[in-house]
Amino acid sequence: MSMGIQELIKYLKGYLILRIEGLNLEKFINISIANGINFWDMKRLSMTAIELNVDLAGYRALKEMLRKTNSRAYVISKKGLPFLFSKLKRRSMLVIGFVIFILLIFVLSSFIWSINIKGANNVSSKEIRQSLSEFGIKPGTFKLNIPVIDIENNMLIKVKEISWIKITLKGTRATVEVKERVDPPKILPEDIPCNIVARRDGIIYKIVSMKGDEVVKEGEPVRKGQILVSGVIERPETEIRYVHSLADIEAKTWYEEKVVIPIKTMKRVRTGKKESKIYINLNDKTLLIKNTDVHYKIYDKIKRSLKLIETDKFELPIEIVIEDYFEINEVESLLDNEEAKSLALEEIEKQILSNMAYDARIINKRIDYVVKEDCVIASALYETMEDIGVPQEIN
């Protein structure tokens, strides 16, 4: 029988940890064994004291052995299921309430009660929440069947102002992280004379001026800040006029990024050991339920909080907080080439899309990988078509 099964049987039957004191301890041990009393983990504390574990049946039989050897027994601790049941019987209402409380927490934690939006500076959080609600993410939604990837794709289509979105469901909270597109250029009032200049380098694909003189032609390369349409109108034998330039301009332009992913990394591996702290926050007061000392040199701290009810309009000021401390060993890990390429692609696309112009249309992209002994280098070149003209006031 394995040690694990033996320990389980002992726990189910129940046992006591005893301190035996007397001058005839050897005689006590011998006659106890001779009478078939089962005890284990015996250790000598002094010349006149020993400590041992004994099951309930053995404890009852020990009384006669104690009398015969003029020894005394002291109960240090009671272990096992029978003693647990005995405690629960005395606190039945507390146990029932606790079970109901746990079930309530489990049921409520299967729903989304709050939505946290990160990265929305110029985009209205209200607009994002409304769009999420249309696609099925809102307070009170059962979270287990939410198609997160589909919702992310639909949000990119619906909310034009964002270029990247990540939805994470954790506990009763949905965290929505977004990257905004670069804002379109600010429009000057029409009564202010202005030129139109290039916002970035590119090659002019189309230029049609409604007001102002075209300075460049289709197919011509331009540099950032170069005048494309002039608001200074000069004609022979007439006075110089200043106008508010207007034009329809499209240019081919490029976005480049490079990412280096190390092949060799230090991977944090959990050993399986864990300590936890549990407490309840009630407004500005904290009630500690379970405390522990964390002696791990390296650990991951995972903090989970559960608010029973939290919506945009109502929040119950009771929060259950669980802090889990997982012991960590740092071991050297090697990525294969495909894993490194996948990480590089994800990072490089995130960077390019976050920098891309508001109205840019991707017409071509190229991603090259260079595999070295210690890293994978990804280089990306995105070719886009966009309006690179921005007004510049004429001083």
Protein backbone atom coordinates (compact mmCIF):
# COMPACT_ATOMS: atom_id res chain seq x y z
CA MET A 1 0.00 0.00 0.00
CA SER A 2 1.48 3.38 -1.00
CA MET A 3 2.30 6.05 1.57
CA GLY A 4 -0.34 8.36 0.14
CA ILE A 5 -3.13 5.82 0.61
CA GLN A 6 -1.95 5.02 4.14
CA GLU A 7 -2.01 8.70 5.09
CA LEU A 8 -5.49 9.06 3.60
CA ILE A 9 -6.81 6.08 5.60
CA LYS A 10 -5.33 7.51 8.80
CA TYR A 11 -7.00 10.86 8.11
CA LEU A 12 -10.37 9.24 7.38
CA LYS A 13 -10.25 7.17 10.60
CA GLY A 14 -8.90 10.01 12.70
CA TYR A 15 -5.92 10.02 15.05
CA LEU A 16 -4.38 11.89 17.97
CA ILE A 17 -0.92 13.23 18.67
CA LEU A 18 -0.08 12.34 22.27
CA ARG A 19 2.64 13.22 24.75
CA ILE A 20 3.33 10.31 27.12
CA GLU A 21 5.17 11.00 30.39
CA GLY A 22 6.41 8.44 32.88
CA LEU A 23 9.39 6.57 34.35
CA ASN A 24 8.63 3.26 32.59
CA LEU A 25 8.31 4.33 28.98
CA GLU A 26 10.10 1.25 27.55
CA LYS A 27 7.69 -1.02 29.40
CA PHE A 28 4.77 1.08 28.18
CA ILE A 29 5.94 0.74 24.55
CA ASN A 30 6.52 -3.01 24.83
CA ILE A 31 3.18 -3.94 26.35
CA SER A 32 1.35 -1.59 23.96
CA ILE A 33 2.91 -3.34 20.97
CA ALA A 34 2.20 -6.73 22.53
CA ASN A 35 -1.48 -5.77 22.79
CA GLY A 36 -1.64 -4.75 19.11
CA ILE A 37 -1.97 -1.03 19.63
CA ASN A 38 -1.07 0.82 16.43
CA PHE A 39 1.02 3.97 16.83
CA TRP A 40 3.57 5.70 14.59
CA ASP A 41 5.91 8.70 14.26
CA MET A 42 7.14 8.10 17.77
CA LYS A 43 9.95 10.36 18.99
CA ARG A 44 11.66 10.79 22.35
CA LEU A 45 11.36 14.26 23.86
CA SER A 46 13.33 13.54 27.03
CA MET A 47 14.24 10.66 29.33
CA THR A 48 10.71 10.75 30.73
CA ALA A 49 8.61 11.89 27.74
CA ILE A 50 7.80 10.66 24.25
CA GLU A 51 5.48 11.88 21.51
CA LEU A 52 3.52 9.55 19.23
CA ASN A 53 0.53 9.30 16.91
CA VAL A 54 -2.24 6.81 17.65
CA ASP A 55 -5.61 6.03 16.02
CA LEU A 56 -8.87 6.30 17.94
CA ALA A 57 -9.14 2.60 18.71
CA GLY A 58 -5.59 2.52 19.97
CA TYR A 59 -6.18 5.57 22.13
CA ARG A 60 -9.03 3.84 23.93
CA ALA A 61 -6.87 0.76 24.57
CA LEU A 62 -3.92 2.83 25.81
CA LYS A 63 -5.71 3.72 29.02
CA GLU A 64 -5.06 0.27 30.46
CA MET A 65 -1.36 0.41 29.43
CA LEU A 66 -1.00 3.83 31.07
CA ARG A 67 -2.46 2.48 34.29
CA LYS A 68 -0.15 -0.54 34.32
CA THR A 69 3.01 1.55 33.79
CA ASN A 70 1.95 4.50 35.93
CA SER A 71 2.26 6.86 32.95
CA ARG A 72 0.18 9.83 31.87
CA ALA A 73 -1.01 10.91 28.40
CA TYR A 74 -1.66 14.46 27.16
CA VAL A 75 -3.48 15.18 23.91
CA ILE A 76 -1.44 17.63 21.82
CA SER A 77 -3.60 17.62 18.73
CA LYS A 78 -6.58 15.88 17.13
CA LYS A 79 -6.45 15.13 13.41
CA GLY A 80 -8.76 13.62 10.83
CA LEU A 81 -12.29 13.53 9.52
CA PRO A 82 -14.14 12.46 12.70
CA PHE A 83 -12.87 15.53 14.57
CA LEU A 84 -13.68 17.79 11.63
CA PHE A 85 -17.25 16.47 11.59
CA SER A 86 -17.48 17.03 15.32
CA LYS A 87 -16.54 20.69 14.90
CA LEU A 88 -18.96 21.12 12.04
CA LYS A 89 -21.84 19.71 14.06
CA ARG A 90 -21.30 22.39 16.67
CA ARG A 91 -21.28 25.09 13.99
CA SER A 92 -23.88 23.75 11.57
CA MET A 93 -25.50 27.10 10.79
CA LEU A 94 -22.12 28.66 10.16
CA VAL A 95 -21.22 25.84 7.80
CA ILE A 96 -24.51 26.09 5.93
CA GLY A 97 -24.06 29.83 5.57
CA PHE A 98 -20.49 29.36 4.37
CA VAL A 99 -21.55 26.77 1.77
CA ILE A 100 -24.29 29.10 0.50
CA PHE A 101 -21.79 31.95 0.41
CA ILE A 102 -19.29 29.88 -1.63
CA LEU A 103 -22.02 28.77 -4.04
CA LEU A 104 -23.14 32.37 -4.43
CA ILE A 105 -19.60 33.47 -5.18
CA PHE A 106 -19.18 30.64 -7.71
CA VAL A 107 -22.41 31.55 -9.50
CA LEU A 108 -21.69 35.28 -9.53
CA SER A 109 -18.10 34.74 -10.70
CA SER A 110 -19.45 33.07 -13.85
CA PHE A 111 -20.79 36.42 -15.02
CA ILE A 112 -19.16 39.66 -16.11
CA TRP A 113 -19.94 42.46 -13.67
CA SER A 114 -17.45 45.13 -14.71
CA ILE A 115 -15.60 46.24 -17.84
CA ASN A 116 -12.22 47.95 -17.57
CA ILE A 117 -11.02 49.81 -20.69
CA LYS A 118 -7.32 50.67 -21.09
CA GLY A 119 -5.62 52.81 -23.71
CA ALA A 120 -8.66 54.83 -24.77
CA ASN A 121 -7.47 58.43 -24.66
CA ASN A 122 -9.16 60.00 -27.66
CA VAL A 123 -11.76 57.32 -28.34
CA SER A 124 -14.84 57.57 -26.15
CA SER A 125 -14.99 54.80 -23.54
CA LYS A 126 -18.77 55.06 -23.76
CA GLU A 127 -18.64 54.28 -27.48
CA ILE A 128 -16.41 51.27 -26.84
CA ARG A 129 -18.75 50.00 -24.11
CA GLN A 130 -21.77 50.40 -26.38
CA SER A 131 -20.07 48.46 -29.17
CA LEU A 132 -18.97 45.73 -26.77
CA SER A 133 -22.55 45.50 -25.51
CA GLU A 134 -23.82 44.99 -29.07
CA PHE A 135 -21.41 42.08 -29.50
CA GLY A 136 -22.30 40.44 -26.17
CA ILE A 137 -19.90 41.84 -23.55
CA LYS A 138 -21.78 43.79 -20.90
CA PRO A 139 -22.43 43.57 -17.13
CA GLY A 140 -24.50 40.50 -16.30
CA THR A 141 -23.30 38.44 -19.30
CA PHE A 142 -22.53 34.75 -18.72
CA LYS A 143 -18.84 34.69 -19.62
CA LEU A 144 -18.14 31.03 -20.41
CA ASN A 145 -19.58 31.12 -23.95
CA ILE A 146 -18.25 34.51 -25.11
CA PRO A 147 -16.44 34.27 -28.52
CA VAL A 148 -13.61 36.64 -27.61
CA ILE A 149 -11.68 36.44 -30.92
CA ASP A 150 -14.79 37.10 -33.01
CA ILE A 151 -15.70 40.10 -30.85
CA GLU A 152 -12.16 41.50 -31.19
CA ASN A 153 -12.40 41.29 -35.00
CA ASN A 154 -15.87 42.86 -35.04
CA MET A 155 -14.71 45.71 -32.80
CA LEU A 156 -11.86 46.55 -35.20
CA ILE A 157 -14.38 46.78 -38.03
CA LYS A 158 -16.97 48.81 -36.11
CA VAL A 159 -14.76 51.23 -34.16
CA LYS A 160 -12.59 52.82 -36.84
CA GLU A 161 -10.53 54.82 -34.36
CA ILE A 162 -8.80 51.75 -32.88
CA SER A 163 -6.10 49.73 -34.62
CA TRP A 164 -5.60 46.92 -32.07
CA ILE A 165 -7.71 45.39 -29.31
CA LYS A 166 -7.22 42.66 -26.72
CA ILE A 167 -10.06 41.36 -24.54
CA THR A 168 -9.22 39.43 -21.36
CA LEU A 169 -11.86 37.81 -19.15
CA LYS A 170 -10.67 37.31 -15.59
CA GLY A 171 -12.94 36.72 -12.64
CA THR A 172 -15.96 38.97 -12.98
CA ARG A 173 -14.05 41.60 -14.93
CA ALA A 174 -13.53 42.05 -18.66
CA THR A 175 -10.36 44.02 -19.38
CA VAL A 176 -10.32 45.64 -22.82
CA GLU A 177 -6.97 47.02 -23.99
CA VAL A 178 -6.96 49.13 -27.16
CA LYS A 179 -4.45 50.97 -29.32
CA GLU A 180 -5.73 54.07 -31.05
CA ARG A 181 -5.02 55.03 -34.62
CA VAL A 182 -3.09 58.22 -35.23
CA ASP A 183 -5.57 61.08 -35.22
CA PRO A 184 -6.35 62.76 -38.55
CA PRO A 185 -4.79 66.19 -38.98
CA LYS A 186 -6.60 69.12 -37.42
CA ILE A 187 -8.47 71.27 -39.93
CA LEU A 188 -7.75 74.98 -39.97
CA PRO A 189 -10.67 77.39 -40.32
CA GLU A 190 -11.34 78.16 -43.98
CA ASP A 191 -10.63 81.88 -43.55
CA ILE A 192 -6.99 81.20 -42.55
CA PRO A 193 -4.56 81.00 -45.52
CA CYS A 194 -2.53 77.82 -45.58
CA ASN A 195 -0.30 75.55 -47.62
CA ILE A 196 -0.68 71.80 -47.69
CA VAL A 197 2.52 69.99 -46.70
CA ALA A 198 3.53 66.34 -46.52
CA ARG A 199 2.95 64.65 -43.16
CA ARG A 200 5.49 61.95 -44.03
CA ASP A 201 7.69 60.74 -46.86
CA GLY A 202 5.98 59.13 -49.84
CA ILE A 203 5.34 59.05 -53.58
CA ILE A 204 2.41 61.08 -54.88
CA TYR A 205 -0.22 58.79 -56.39
CA LYS A 206 -2.96 61.37 -56.97
CA ILE A 207 -3.20 65.13 -56.44
CA VAL A 208 -6.21 67.27 -57.31
CA SER A 209 -6.23 70.85 -56.02
CA MET A 210 -9.52 72.66 -55.45
CA LYS A 211 -7.82 75.75 -54.02
CA GLY A 212 -4.16 76.64 -54.27
CA ASP A 213 -1.41 75.81 -56.74
CA GLU A 214 -0.06 72.26 -57.05
CA VAL A 215 3.67 72.22 -56.44
CA VAL A 216 4.30 68.51 -57.06
CA LYS A 217 3.08 66.04 -59.68
CA GLU A 218 1.81 62.47 -59.63
CA GLY A 219 4.66 59.95 -59.33
CA GLU A 220 6.97 62.46 -57.67
CA PRO A 221 8.67 61.50 -54.38
CA VAL A 222 8.21 63.95 -51.52
CA ARG A 223 9.74 64.44 -48.10
CA LYS A 224 8.09 65.14 -44.77
CA GLY A 225 7.29 68.87 -44.45
CA GLN A 226 7.56 69.54 -48.21
CA ILE A 227 4.91 71.87 -49.69
CA LEU A 228 2.47 69.95 -51.91
CA VAL A 229 -0.07 72.68 -52.59
CA SER A 230 0.78 76.37 -52.14
CA GLY A 231 -1.69 78.85 -50.75
CA VAL A 232 0.35 81.74 -52.14
CA ILE A 233 -1.15 82.59 -55.56
CA GLU A 234 1.17 84.56 -57.79
CA ARG A 235 0.13 85.60 -61.30
CA PRO A 236 1.71 88.07 -63.76
CA GLU A 237 0.46 91.63 -63.41
CA THR A 238 -1.73 90.82 -60.41
CA GLU A 239 -1.29 91.18 -56.68
CA ILE A 240 -0.25 88.16 -54.63
CA ARG A 241 -3.25 86.40 -53.09
CA TYR A 242 -3.31 84.11 -50.07
CA VAL A 243 -5.88 81.29 -49.99
CA HIS A 244 -6.86 78.38 -47.79
CA SER A 245 -5.54 75.45 -49.83
CA LEU A 246 -7.82 72.48 -50.40
CA ALA A 247 -6.79 69.34 -52.26
CA ASP A 248 -7.44 65.63 -52.62
CA ILE A 249 -4.03 63.98 -52.23
CA GLU A 250 -3.12 60.29 -52.05
CA ALA A 251 0.40 59.03 -51.67
CA LYS A 252 2.10 55.71 -51.40
CA THR A 253 4.08 55.52 -48.17
CA TRP A 254 5.79 52.96 -45.96
CA TYR A 255 6.07 51.89 -42.33
CA GLU A 256 9.11 49.96 -41.15
CA GLU A 257 9.80 48.19 -37.87
CA LYS A 258 12.38 45.74 -36.57
CA VAL A 259 12.00 43.36 -33.63
CA VAL A 260 14.59 41.13 -31.98
CA ILE A 261 13.39 38.02 -30.12
CA PRO A 262 16.07 36.19 -28.04
CA ILE A 263 16.22 32.42 -28.55
CA LYS A 264 17.57 31.84 -25.06
CA THR A 265 15.41 33.10 -22.25
CA MET A 266 15.10 32.51 -18.54
CA LYS A 267 11.78 30.80 -18.08
CA ARG A 268 9.95 31.12 -14.79
CA VAL A 269 8.69 27.68 -13.78
CA ARG A 270 6.37 27.12 -10.86
CA THR A 271 7.48 24.41 -8.45
CA GLY A 272 3.94 23.54 -7.39
CA LYS A 273 4.30 25.12 -3.94
CA LYS A 274 1.81 27.83 -3.13
CA GLU A 275 0.85 30.03 -0.20
CA SER A 276 -2.30 32.13 -0.08
CA LYS A 277 -3.66 35.10 1.80
CA ILE A 278 -7.38 35.79 1.90
CA TYR A 279 -9.03 38.93 3.17
CA ILE A 280 -12.18 40.97 2.74
CA ASN A 281 -12.16 44.69 1.97
CA LEU A 282 -15.16 46.60 3.26
CA ASN A 283 -14.79 50.24 2.23
CA ASP A 284 -11.54 51.28 3.93
CA LYS A 285 -11.43 48.36 6.39
CA THR A 286 -9.75 44.99 5.90
CA LEU A 287 -10.77 41.72 7.53
CA LEU A 288 -8.05 39.08 7.36
CA ILE A 289 -9.43 35.58 6.79
CA LYS A 290 -6.22 33.66 6.16
CA ASN A 291 -2.65 34.84 6.64
CA THR A 292 0.65 33.18 5.86
CA ASP A 293 4.37 33.98 5.80
CA VAL A 294 5.92 33.72 2.34
CA HIS A 295 9.50 32.43 2.50
CA TYR A 296 10.05 31.83 -1.23
CA LYS A 297 13.09 33.60 -2.72
CA ILE A 298 11.38 34.02 -6.09
CA TYR A 299 7.63 33.92 -6.52
CA ASP A 300 4.72 35.01 -8.65
CA LYS A 301 2.10 37.01 -6.84
CA ILE A 302 -1.36 36.67 -8.35
CA LYS A 303 -3.96 38.92 -6.84
CA ARG A 304 -7.59 38.08 -7.53
CA SER A 305 -10.44 40.23 -6.39
CA LEU A 306 -14.13 39.58 -6.55
CA LYS A 307 -16.75 42.25 -6.06
CA LEU A 308 -20.11 40.63 -5.66
CA ILE A 309 -21.86 43.37 -7.65
CA GLU A 310 -20.05 46.00 -9.71
CA THR A 311 -21.60 47.84 -12.64
CA ASP A 312 -21.26 51.32 -14.11
CA LYS A 313 -24.11 52.55 -11.91
CA PHE A 314 -23.82 50.39 -8.80
CA GLU A 315 -21.02 48.77 -6.85
CA LEU A 316 -21.37 46.80 -3.64
CA PRO A 317 -18.45 47.94 -1.42
CA ILE A 318 -17.50 44.38 -0.43
CA GLU A 319 -14.48 42.84 -2.12
CA ILE A 320 -12.98 39.42 -1.51
CA VAL A 321 -9.25 39.42 -2.25
CA ILE A 322 -7.14 36.30 -2.69
CA GLU A 323 -3.37 36.68 -2.99
CA ASP A 324 -1.66 33.54 -4.28
CA TYR A 325 2.11 33.23 -3.99
CA PHE A 326 3.60 30.61 -6.32
CA GLU A 327 7.21 29.55 -5.75
CA ILE A 328 9.31 30.03 -8.88
CA ASN A 329 12.44 28.41 -10.23
CA GLU A 330 14.19 30.21 -13.08
CA VAL A 331 15.40 27.76 -15.71
CA GLU A 332 17.00 28.37 -19.07
CA SER A 333 14.58 27.89 -21.94
CA LEU A 334 15.18 27.77 -25.69
CA LEU A 335 12.56 28.86 -28.20
CA ASP A 336 12.42 27.04 -31.50
CA ASN A 337 12.55 29.15 -34.65
CA GLU A 338 8.81 28.99 -35.30
CA GLU A 339 7.94 30.10 -31.76
CA ALA A 340 10.36 33.02 -32.01
CA LYS A 341 8.97 34.02 -35.43
CA SER A 342 5.41 33.91 -34.09
CA LEU A 343 6.32 36.18 -31.15
CA ALA A 344 8.17 38.55 -33.46
CA LEU A 345 5.22 38.76 -35.87
CA GLU A 346 2.77 39.55 -33.06
CA GLU A 347 4.98 42.29 -31.63
CA ILE A 348 5.90 43.89 -34.97
CA GLU A 349 2.30 44.06 -36.17
CA LYS A 350 1.24 45.63 -32.88
CA GLN A 351 3.90 48.33 -33.21
CA ILE A 352 3.17 49.15 -36.86
CA LEU A 353 -0.61 49.29 -36.45
CA SER A 354 -0.31 51.58 -33.44
CA ASN A 355 1.75 54.06 -35.50
CA MET A 356 -0.25 53.81 -38.71
CA ALA A 357 -2.17 56.82 -39.95
CA TYR A 358 -5.87 57.10 -39.33
CA ASP A 359 -6.89 56.68 -42.98
CA ALA A 360 -4.09 54.36 -44.15
CA ARG A 361 -5.00 51.40 -46.37
CA ILE A 362 -2.51 48.55 -46.40
CA ILE A 363 -1.78 47.58 -50.01
CA ASN A 364 1.24 45.37 -49.47
CA LYS A 365 3.36 44.05 -46.64
CA ARG A 366 6.58 42.12 -46.35
CA ILE A 367 8.06 40.48 -43.28
CA ASP A 368 11.57 38.98 -43.38
CA TYR A 369 13.20 36.87 -40.70
CA VAL A 370 16.89 36.45 -39.97
CA VAL A 371 17.64 33.45 -37.74
CA LYS A 372 20.84 33.71 -35.72
CA GLU A 373 22.29 31.49 -33.02
CA ASP A 374 20.97 33.61 -30.18
CA CYS A 375 17.97 35.43 -31.66
CA VAL A 376 15.45 35.85 -34.46
CA ILE A 377 15.30 39.27 -36.11
CA ALA A 378 12.06 40.25 -37.84
CA SER A 379 11.95 43.18 -40.24
CA ALA A 380 8.60 44.42 -41.55
CA LEU A 381 7.78 46.79 -44.38
CA TYR A 382 4.14 47.84 -44.78
CA GLU A 383 3.17 49.71 -47.94
CA THR A 384 0.08 51.89 -47.56
CA MET A 385 -2.02 54.37 -49.49
CA GLU A 386 -3.05 57.41 -47.47
CA ASP A 387 -3.67 61.13 -47.47
CA ILE A 388 -0.33 62.62 -46.37
CA GLY A 389 -1.38 66.25 -46.81
CA VAL A 390 -1.82 68.43 -43.73
CA PRO A 391 -2.61 72.17 -43.64
CA GLN A 392 0.13 74.53 -42.55
CA GLU A 393 -0.78 78.10 -41.78
CA ILE A 394 1.01 80.75 -43.86
CA ASN A 395 2.75 83.20 -41.53
